[in-house]
Amino acid sequence: MRNKIYKEVHFNDDLIFPFKVNYSDQTTFIHKLPNHFHKEMEIIYFQEGGVFYELENIPYKVSEEAIIIFPSNSIHKGTVFDYKIHKSYIYIFDLSILGMNDIISLNRYLSPILNNEINYPIVIHKNYDYFVNLKSSLIKLYDIFSRKESFYELDIKIELLNFFSIVYKSNLINSQKLSLDKKKSINNFFLIFIIIIRVI
């Protein structure tokens, strides 16, 4: 019997600002998430513990501090195996909040992200110059969301754009579109990418 794939719904359609961050630790985590997908992008800032992730049947083991990025509509699942010290931050947001109307921003930078037309590396090690900047950006996003001060939505949008700006500036992106053969090889689903930032 084939494994079921569940669609998760994180936001109501009428929600004005679809962005949230959930903190998970050994008292609140879900031990096992089955195969699922959602239209939102997901970023996990994994602090400690141990998790097995699987994306399109490709397994990844994360047992030290890491940043994992899942594009919208990617099929993935996870199993926590070292739950006694589990700590992670889970960012889920609809990419529509990044929308900008000017042609250059939309066509050159945002459309490739929205349409999953770009390739990302698998692992980014801590010795790269941009490691600290990516991590700091996610920490700042969590702080902004937690405080929810006046105009926090604008601050979140600005910081998300800063996060992707760091990714672009660090030459992490191959902006060429996927070939038809490669699209077929991933069963016509959107390109799946994962960025793992390891810290010893």
C-alpha atoms as a PDB file:
ATOM      1  CA  MET A   1       0.000   0.000   0.000  1.00  0.00           C
ATOM      2  CA  ARG A   2       1.365   3.412  -0.915  1.00  0.00           C
ATOM      3  CA  ASN A   3       1.899   5.876   1.862  1.00  0.00           C
ATOM      4  CA  LYS A   4      -0.729   8.565   2.102  1.00  0.00           C
ATOM      5  CA  ILE A   5       0.268  12.155   1.475  1.00  0.00           C
ATOM      6  CA  TYR A   6      -1.568  14.739   3.537  1.00  0.00           C
ATOM      7  CA  LYS A   7      -2.186  18.346   2.660  1.00  0.00           C
ATOM      8  CA  GLU A   8      -1.682  20.695   5.595  1.00  0.00           C
ATOM      9  CA  VAL A   9      -3.659  23.934   5.795  1.00  0.00           C
ATOM     10  CA  HIS A  10      -1.912  26.509   7.961  1.00  0.00           C
ATOM     11  CA  PHE A  11      -3.884  29.669   7.269  1.00  0.00           C
ATOM     12  CA  ASN A  12      -7.428  30.651   6.459  1.00  0.00           C
ATOM     13  CA  ASP A  13      -7.848  32.108   2.996  1.00  0.00           C
ATOM     14  CA  ASP A  14      -8.998  35.411   4.452  1.00  0.00           C
ATOM     15  CA  LEU A  15      -5.937  35.838   6.679  1.00  0.00           C
ATOM     16  CA  ILE A  16      -4.280  39.114   5.769  1.00  0.00           C
ATOM     17  CA  PHE A  17      -0.735  38.242   6.797  1.00  0.00           C
ATOM     18  CA  PRO A  18       0.031  34.499   6.514  1.00  0.00           C
ATOM     19  CA  PHE A  19       3.211  34.161   8.571  1.00  0.00           C
ATOM     20  CA  LYS A  20       3.902  32.307  11.803  1.00  0.00           C
ATOM     21  CA  VAL A  21       6.742  30.916  13.882  1.00  0.00           C
ATOM     22  CA  ASN A  22       6.347  28.001  16.278  1.00  0.00           C
ATOM     23  CA  TYR A  23       8.912  27.041  18.884  1.00  0.00           C
ATOM     24  CA  SER A  24       9.159  23.318  19.553  1.00  0.00           C
ATOM     25  CA  ASP A  25      10.997  21.562  22.369  1.00  0.00           C
ATOM     26  CA  GLN A  26      10.912  18.241  24.196  1.00  0.00           C
ATOM     27  CA  THR A  27       7.613  19.181  25.879  1.00  0.00           C
ATOM     28  CA  THR A  28       5.741  20.383  22.793  1.00  0.00           C
ATOM     29  CA  PHE A  29       7.150  18.637  19.725  1.00  0.00           C
ATOM     30  CA  ILE A  30       5.321  16.127  17.538  1.00  0.00           C
ATOM     31  CA  HIS A  31       7.380  12.928  17.439  1.00  0.00           C
ATOM     32  CA  LYS A  32       6.523  11.969  13.875  1.00  0.00           C
ATOM     33  CA  LEU A  33       5.064  13.867  10.921  1.00  0.00           C
ATOM     34  CA  PRO A  34       3.845  11.713   7.992  1.00  0.00           C
ATOM     35  CA  ASN A  35       4.315  12.598   4.324  1.00  0.00           C
ATOM     36  CA  HIS A  36       2.646  15.945   3.773  1.00  0.00           C
ATOM     37  CA  PHE A  37       2.813  19.154   1.769  1.00  0.00           C
ATOM     38  CA  HIS A  38       1.503  22.682   2.048  1.00  0.00           C
ATOM     39  CA  LYS A  39       1.425  25.676  -0.225  1.00  0.00           C
ATOM     40  CA  GLU A  40       3.555  27.717   2.162  1.00  0.00           C
ATOM     41  CA  MET A  41       7.329  27.801   2.319  1.00  0.00           C
ATOM     42  CA  GLU A  42       8.785  26.314   5.511  1.00  0.00           C
ATOM     43  CA  ILE A  43      12.067  27.131   7.224  1.00  0.00           C
ATOM     44  CA  ILE A  44      13.231  25.187  10.265  1.00  0.00           C
ATOM     45  CA  TYR A  45      15.927  26.587  12.512  1.00  0.00           C
ATOM     46  CA  PHE A  46      17.002  23.395  14.258  1.00  0.00           C
ATOM     47  CA  GLN A  47      18.946  24.079  17.451  1.00  0.00           C
ATOM     48  CA  GLU A  48      19.625  20.662  18.940  1.00  0.00           C
ATOM     49  CA  GLY A  49      18.456  17.074  19.189  1.00  0.00           C
ATOM     50  CA  GLY A  50      18.095  14.718  16.253  1.00  0.00           C
ATOM     51  CA  VAL A  51      15.636  14.434  13.360  1.00  0.00           C
ATOM     52  CA  PHE A  52      15.316  12.315  10.237  1.00  0.00           C
ATOM     53  CA  TYR A  53      13.801  14.294   7.366  1.00  0.00           C
ATOM     54  CA  GLU A  54      12.713  12.876   4.048  1.00  0.00           C
ATOM     55  CA  LEU A  55      12.083  14.957   0.920  1.00  0.00           C
ATOM     56  CA  GLU A  56      10.749  13.196  -2.151  1.00  0.00           C
ATOM     57  CA  ASN A  57      12.026   9.892  -0.724  1.00  0.00           C
ATOM     58  CA  ILE A  58      15.524  11.304  -0.152  1.00  0.00           C
ATOM     59  CA  PRO A  59      16.519  10.945   3.544  1.00  0.00           C
ATOM     60  CA  TYR A  60      18.467  13.538   5.532  1.00  0.00           C
ATOM     61  CA  LYS A  61      19.701  13.132   9.088  1.00  0.00           C
ATOM     62  CA  VAL A  62      20.093  16.301  11.150  1.00  0.00           C
ATOM     63  CA  SER A  63      21.768  15.882  14.533  1.00  0.00           C
ATOM     64  CA  GLU A  64      23.342  19.279  15.111  1.00  0.00           C
ATOM     65  CA  GLU A  65      22.352  22.914  14.710  1.00  0.00           C
ATOM     66  CA  ALA A  66      21.020  23.515  11.219  1.00  0.00           C
ATOM     67  CA  ILE A  67      18.775  25.596   8.992  1.00  0.00           C
ATOM     68  CA  ILE A  68      16.484  23.640   6.675  1.00  0.00           C
ATOM     69  CA  ILE A  69      14.415  25.279   3.942  1.00  0.00           C
ATOM     70  CA  PHE A  70      11.493  23.553   2.213  1.00  0.00           C
ATOM     71  CA  PRO A  71       9.865  25.227  -0.812  1.00  0.00           C
ATOM     72  CA  SER A  72       6.128  25.479  -1.210  1.00  0.00           C
ATOM     73  CA  ASN A  73       4.308  22.281  -2.197  1.00  0.00           C
ATOM     74  CA  SER A  74       7.300  20.028  -1.495  1.00  0.00           C
ATOM     75  CA  ILE A  75       6.460  16.598  -0.073  1.00  0.00           C
ATOM     76  CA  HIS A  76       8.321  15.880   3.138  1.00  0.00           C
ATOM     77  CA  LYS A  77       8.128  14.133   6.489  1.00  0.00           C
ATOM     78  CA  GLY A  78      10.116  14.006   9.703  1.00  0.00           C
ATOM     79  CA  THR A  79      10.821  11.775  12.679  1.00  0.00           C
ATOM     80  CA  VAL A  80      12.444  13.015  15.891  1.00  0.00           C
ATOM     81  CA  PHE A  81      14.850  10.422  17.279  1.00  0.00           C
ATOM     82  CA  ASP A  82      16.645  12.446  19.961  1.00  0.00           C
ATOM     83  CA  TYR A  83      13.697  14.106  21.647  1.00  0.00           C
ATOM     84  CA  LYS A  84      15.186  14.610  25.125  1.00  0.00           C
ATOM     85  CA  ILE A  85      17.017  17.741  23.984  1.00  0.00           C
ATOM     86  CA  HIS A  86      14.886  18.658  20.979  1.00  0.00           C
ATOM     87  CA  LYS A  87      14.679  22.384  20.201  1.00  0.00           C
ATOM     88  CA  SER A  88      13.637  23.995  16.935  1.00  0.00           C
ATOM     89  CA  TYR A  89      11.902  27.026  15.440  1.00  0.00           C
ATOM     90  CA  ILE A  90       9.493  26.434  12.565  1.00  0.00           C
ATOM     91  CA  TYR A  91       8.745  29.335  10.210  1.00  0.00           C
ATOM     92  CA  ILE A  92       5.799  28.927   7.860  1.00  0.00           C
ATOM     93  CA  PHE A  93       4.705  31.649   5.469  1.00  0.00           C
ATOM     94  CA  ASP A  94       2.937  32.205   2.192  1.00  0.00           C
ATOM     95  CA  LEU A  95       5.337  33.614  -0.363  1.00  0.00           C
ATOM     96  CA  SER A  96       2.677  36.098  -1.432  1.00  0.00           C
ATOM     97  CA  ILE A  97       3.762  38.356   1.430  1.00  0.00           C
ATOM     98  CA  LEU A  98       6.986  38.997  -0.486  1.00  0.00           C
ATOM     99  CA  GLY A  99       5.100  40.401  -3.456  1.00  0.00           C
ATOM    100  CA  MET A 100       6.495  43.571  -5.001  1.00  0.00           C
ATOM    101  CA  ASN A 101       5.017  45.296  -8.032  1.00  0.00           C
ATOM    102  CA  ASP A 102       8.135  46.696  -9.643  1.00  0.00           C
ATOM    103  CA  ILE A 103       9.278  44.696 -12.666  1.00  0.00           C
ATOM    104  CA  ILE A 104      12.907  44.233 -11.639  1.00  0.00           C
ATOM    105  CA  SER A 105      12.201  42.906  -8.145  1.00  0.00           C
ATOM    106  CA  LEU A 106       9.387  40.663  -9.295  1.00  0.00           C
ATOM    107  CA  ASN A 107      10.920  39.220 -12.451  1.00  0.00           C
ATOM    108  CA  ARG A 108      14.562  38.995 -11.455  1.00  0.00           C
ATOM    109  CA  TYR A 109      14.382  37.990  -7.802  1.00  0.00           C
ATOM    110  CA  LEU A 110      10.952  36.975  -6.549  1.00  0.00           C
ATOM    111  CA  SER A 111       9.381  35.106  -9.454  1.00  0.00           C
ATOM    112  CA  PRO A 112      12.124  32.442  -9.494  1.00  0.00           C
ATOM    113  CA  ILE A 113      11.480  31.814  -5.797  1.00  0.00           C
ATOM    114  CA  LEU A 114       7.694  31.851  -6.153  1.00  0.00           C
ATOM    115  CA  ASN A 115       7.809  29.467  -9.120  1.00  0.00           C
ATOM    116  CA  ASN A 116      10.530  27.173  -7.744  1.00  0.00           C
ATOM    117  CA  GLU A 117      12.724  27.808 -10.768  1.00  0.00           C
ATOM    118  CA  ILE A 118      16.045  27.931  -8.960  1.00  0.00           C
ATOM    119  CA  ASN A 119      18.512  25.355  -7.687  1.00  0.00           C
ATOM    120  CA  TYR A 120      19.994  25.446  -4.198  1.00  0.00           C
ATOM    121  CA  PRO A 121      22.922  23.589  -2.648  1.00  0.00           C
ATOM    122  CA  ILE A 122      22.392  20.781  -0.178  1.00  0.00           C
ATOM    123  CA  VAL A 123      24.806  21.723   2.608  1.00  0.00           C
ATOM    124  CA  ILE A 124      26.224  25.078   3.670  1.00  0.00           C
ATOM    125  CA  HIS A 125      29.001  24.766   6.227  1.00  0.00           C
ATOM    126  CA  LYS A 126      29.656  27.223   9.022  1.00  0.00           C
ATOM    127  CA  ASN A 127      32.988  28.390   7.583  1.00  0.00           C
ATOM    128  CA  TYR A 128      31.236  30.332   4.811  1.00  0.00           C
ATOM    129  CA  ASP A 129      31.057  34.099   5.227  1.00  0.00           C
ATOM    130  CA  TYR A 130      27.270  34.233   5.064  1.00  0.00           C
ATOM    131  CA  PHE A 131      26.563  31.590   7.724  1.00  0.00           C
ATOM    132  CA  VAL A 132      26.203  34.051  10.592  1.00  0.00           C
ATOM    133  CA  ASN A 133      24.080  36.414   8.496  1.00  0.00           C
ATOM    134  CA  LEU A 134      21.533  33.737   7.565  1.00  0.00           C
ATOM    135  CA  LYS A 135      21.204  32.555  11.136  1.00  0.00           C
ATOM    136  CA  SER A 136      20.951  36.116  12.485  1.00  0.00           C
ATOM    137  CA  SER A 137      18.188  36.896  10.014  1.00  0.00           C
ATOM    138  CA  LEU A 138      16.087  33.966  11.237  1.00  0.00           C
ATOM    139  CA  ILE A 139      16.628  34.890  14.873  1.00  0.00           C
ATOM    140  CA  LYS A 140      15.522  38.434  14.096  1.00  0.00           C
ATOM    141  CA  LEU A 141      12.389  37.123  12.373  1.00  0.00           C
ATOM    142  CA  TYR A 142      11.492  35.116  15.465  1.00  0.00           C
ATOM    143  CA  ASP A 143      11.985  38.145  17.714  1.00  0.00           C
ATOM    144  CA  ILE A 144       9.839  40.379  15.497  1.00  0.00           C
ATOM    145  CA  PHE A 145       7.034  37.815  15.379  1.00  0.00           C
ATOM    146  CA  SER A 146       7.180  37.182  19.130  1.00  0.00           C
ATOM    147  CA  ARG A 147       6.955  40.863  20.073  1.00  0.00           C
ATOM    148  CA  LYS A 148       4.350  41.806  17.452  1.00  0.00           C
ATOM    149  CA  GLU A 149       4.973  45.491  17.921  1.00  0.00           C
ATOM    150  CA  SER A 150       3.283  48.103  15.755  1.00  0.00           C
ATOM    151  CA  PHE A 151       3.902  47.526  12.047  1.00  0.00           C
ATOM    152  CA  TYR A 152       5.595  44.186  12.726  1.00  0.00           C
ATOM    153  CA  GLU A 153       4.260  42.851   9.412  1.00  0.00           C
ATOM    154  CA  LEU A 154       6.411  45.343   7.545  1.00  0.00           C
ATOM    155  CA  ASP A 155       9.436  44.364   9.608  1.00  0.00           C
ATOM    156  CA  ILE A 156       8.850  40.676   8.857  1.00  0.00           C
ATOM    157  CA  LYS A 157       8.568  41.351   5.142  1.00  0.00           C
ATOM    158  CA  ILE A 158      11.743  43.431   5.208  1.00  0.00           C
ATOM    159  CA  GLU A 159      13.652  40.732   7.069  1.00  0.00           C
ATOM    160  CA  LEU A 160      12.414  37.955   4.800  1.00  0.00           C
ATOM    161  CA  LEU A 161      13.604  39.933   1.803  1.00  0.00           C
ATOM    162  CA  ASN A 162      16.908  40.415   3.599  1.00  0.00           C
ATOM    163  CA  PHE A 163      17.168  36.650   4.134  1.00  0.00           C
ATOM    164  CA  PHE A 164      16.715  35.933   0.428  1.00  0.00           C
ATOM    165  CA  SER A 165      19.019  38.804  -0.437  1.00  0.00           C
ATOM    166  CA  ILE A 166      21.763  37.086   1.581  1.00  0.00           C
ATOM    167  CA  VAL A 167      21.078  33.860  -0.307  1.00  0.00           C
ATOM    168  CA  TYR A 168      21.431  35.655  -3.648  1.00  0.00           C
ATOM    169  CA  LYS A 169      24.507  37.681  -2.640  1.00  0.00           C
ATOM    170  CA  SER A 170      26.227  34.543  -1.394  1.00  0.00           C
ATOM    171  CA  ASN A 171      25.963  32.940  -4.837  1.00  0.00           C
ATOM    172  CA  LEU A 172      23.877  30.094  -3.448  1.00  0.00           C
ATOM    173  CA  ILE A 173      21.426  30.158  -6.321  1.00  0.00           C
ATOM    174  CA  ASN A 174      21.631  28.721  -9.799  1.00  0.00           C
ATOM    175  CA  SER A 175      18.931  30.792 -11.487  1.00  0.00           C
ATOM    176  CA  GLN A 176      18.622  28.609 -14.572  1.00  0.00           C
ATOM    177  CA  LYS A 177      15.256  26.954 -14.957  1.00  0.00           C
ATOM    178  CA  LEU A 178      14.981  23.229 -14.504  1.00  0.00           C
ATOM    179  CA  SER A 179      15.132  21.168 -17.654  1.00  0.00           C
ATOM    180  CA  LEU A 180      12.074  19.198 -18.706  1.00  0.00           C
ATOM    181  CA  ASP A 181      13.926  15.959 -17.975  1.00  0.00           C
ATOM    182  CA  LYS A 182      14.706  17.057 -14.452  1.00  0.00           C
ATOM    183  CA  LYS A 183      11.132  18.160 -13.892  1.00  0.00           C
ATOM    184  CA  LYS A 184       9.994  14.701 -14.900  1.00  0.00           C
ATOM    185  CA  SER A 185      12.553  13.116 -12.607  1.00  0.00           C
ATOM    186  CA  ILE A 186      10.903  14.715  -9.579  1.00  0.00           C
ATOM    187  CA  ASN A 187       7.471  13.523 -10.592  1.00  0.00           C
ATOM    188  CA  ASN A 188       6.300  16.908 -11.829  1.00  0.00           C
ATOM    189  CA  PHE A 189       6.438  18.403  -8.371  1.00  0.00           C
ATOM    190  CA  PHE A 190       8.156  21.708  -7.679  1.00  0.00           C
ATOM    191  CA  LEU A 191      11.902  21.775  -7.176  1.00  0.00           C
ATOM    192  CA  ILE A 192      12.808  20.650  -3.692  1.00  0.00           C
ATOM    193  CA  PHE A 193      15.666  22.264  -1.915  1.00  0.00           C
ATOM    194  CA  ILE A 194      17.198  22.012   1.514  1.00  0.00           C
ATOM    195  CA  ILE A 195      19.827  24.200   3.092  1.00  0.00           C
ATOM    196  CA  ILE A 196      21.510  22.712   6.129  1.00  0.00           C
ATOM    197  CA  ILE A 197      23.827  24.931   8.084  1.00  0.00           C
ATOM    198  CA  ARG A 198      25.914  22.914  10.522  1.00  0.00           C
ATOM    199  CA  VAL A 199      27.495  24.186  13.686  1.00  0.00           C
ATOM    200  CA  ILE A 200      29.967  22.141  15.703  1.00  0.00           C
END
